[in-house]
Amino acid sequence: MTGQARLAAFERMLADVQQNYTELIARLERLKEEGKTKSATFRQYLGNKMTCQYVLSLYRDYGLLEENDTEVS
């Protein structure tokens, strides 16, 4: 894999993680509104959100993502 192809793959991965993180936040909010915070689905989404947060924090720690690109809470 060339350097350009590798960079493009990292960029695609970052975009996918950011999109998944945003979608998970919306799904979790919807489940909260429905009072389903103890459901297996909610817990699975929460675990997935935490994984995305971790990956985004690694990107940030290595200077590959700006602080304001994706809010990690």
Protein backbone atom coordinates (compact mmCIF):
# COMPACT_ATOMS: atom_id res chain seq x y z
CA MET A 1 0.00 0.00 0.00
CA THR A 2 1.41 3.35 -1.00
CA GLY A 3 1.65 6.26 1.39
CA GLN A 4 -1.18 8.08 -0.39
CA ALA A 5 -3.44 5.02 -0.28
CA ARG A 6 -2.68 4.52 3.40
CA LEU A 7 -3.46 8.16 4.17
CA ALA A 8 -6.72 7.90 2.23
CA ALA A 9 -7.64 4.78 4.24
CA PHE A 10 -6.97 6.63 7.52
CA GLU A 11 -9.09 9.55 6.33
CA ARG A 12 -11.97 7.20 5.42
CA MET A 13 -11.69 5.50 8.80
CA LEU A 14 -11.82 8.84 10.60
CA ALA A 15 -14.88 9.94 8.64
CA ASP A 16 -16.63 6.63 9.37
CA VAL A 17 -15.88 6.82 13.10
CA GLN A 18 -17.10 10.42 13.26
CA GLN A 19 -20.31 9.51 11.41
CA ASN A 20 -20.92 6.46 13.62
CA TYR A 21 -20.34 8.54 16.74
CA THR A 22 -22.87 11.15 15.63
CA GLU A 23 -25.45 8.48 14.75
CA LEU A 24 -24.95 6.69 18.06
CA ILE A 25 -25.53 9.90 20.01
CA ALA A 26 -28.84 10.40 18.17
CA ARG A 27 -29.91 6.78 18.77
CA LEU A 28 -29.05 7.00 22.46
CA GLU A 29 -31.01 10.23 22.83
CA ARG A 30 -34.04 8.65 21.17
CA LEU A 31 -33.88 5.64 23.48
CA LYS A 32 -33.50 7.94 26.51
CA GLU A 33 -36.65 9.83 25.47
CA GLU A 34 -38.47 6.50 25.21
CA GLY A 35 -37.32 5.50 28.70
CA LYS A 36 -35.32 2.54 27.43
CA THR A 37 -32.03 3.26 29.18
CA LYS A 38 -31.88 -0.22 30.71
CA SER A 39 -32.45 -2.09 27.44
CA ALA A 40 -29.82 -4.28 25.81
CA THR A 41 -29.96 -2.09 22.70
CA PHE A 42 -29.20 1.04 24.73
CA ARG A 43 -26.27 -0.66 26.43
CA GLN A 44 -24.89 -1.91 23.13
CA TYR A 45 -25.12 1.57 21.59
CA LEU A 46 -23.49 3.04 24.69
CA GLY A 47 -20.59 0.58 24.40
CA ASN A 48 -20.21 1.41 20.71
CA LYS A 49 -20.25 5.14 21.52
CA MET A 50 -17.50 4.65 24.08
CA THR A 51 -15.41 2.75 21.53
CA CYS A 52 -15.84 5.59 19.02
CA GLN A 53 -14.88 8.11 21.72
CA TYR A 54 -11.71 6.15 22.41
CA VAL A 55 -10.71 5.97 18.74
CA LEU A 56 -11.39 9.70 18.29
CA SER A 57 -9.34 10.48 21.39
CA LEU A 58 -6.43 8.48 19.92
CA TYR A 59 -6.65 10.49 16.71
CA ARG A 60 -6.65 13.66 18.83
CA ASP A 61 -3.75 12.51 21.04
CA TYR A 62 -1.60 11.88 17.98
CA GLY A 63 -2.44 15.25 16.47
CA LEU A 64 -4.51 13.77 13.64
CA LEU A 65 -7.72 15.46 14.72
CA GLU A 66 -8.34 19.00 15.89
CA GLU A 67 -10.00 19.56 19.27
CA ASN A 68 -13.11 21.10 17.71
CA ASP A 69 -13.55 18.55 14.86
CA THR A 70 -15.75 16.15 16.85
CA GLU A 71 -16.93 16.80 20.34
CA VAL A 72 -16.05 13.88 22.61
CA SER A 73 -18.12 13.85 25.76
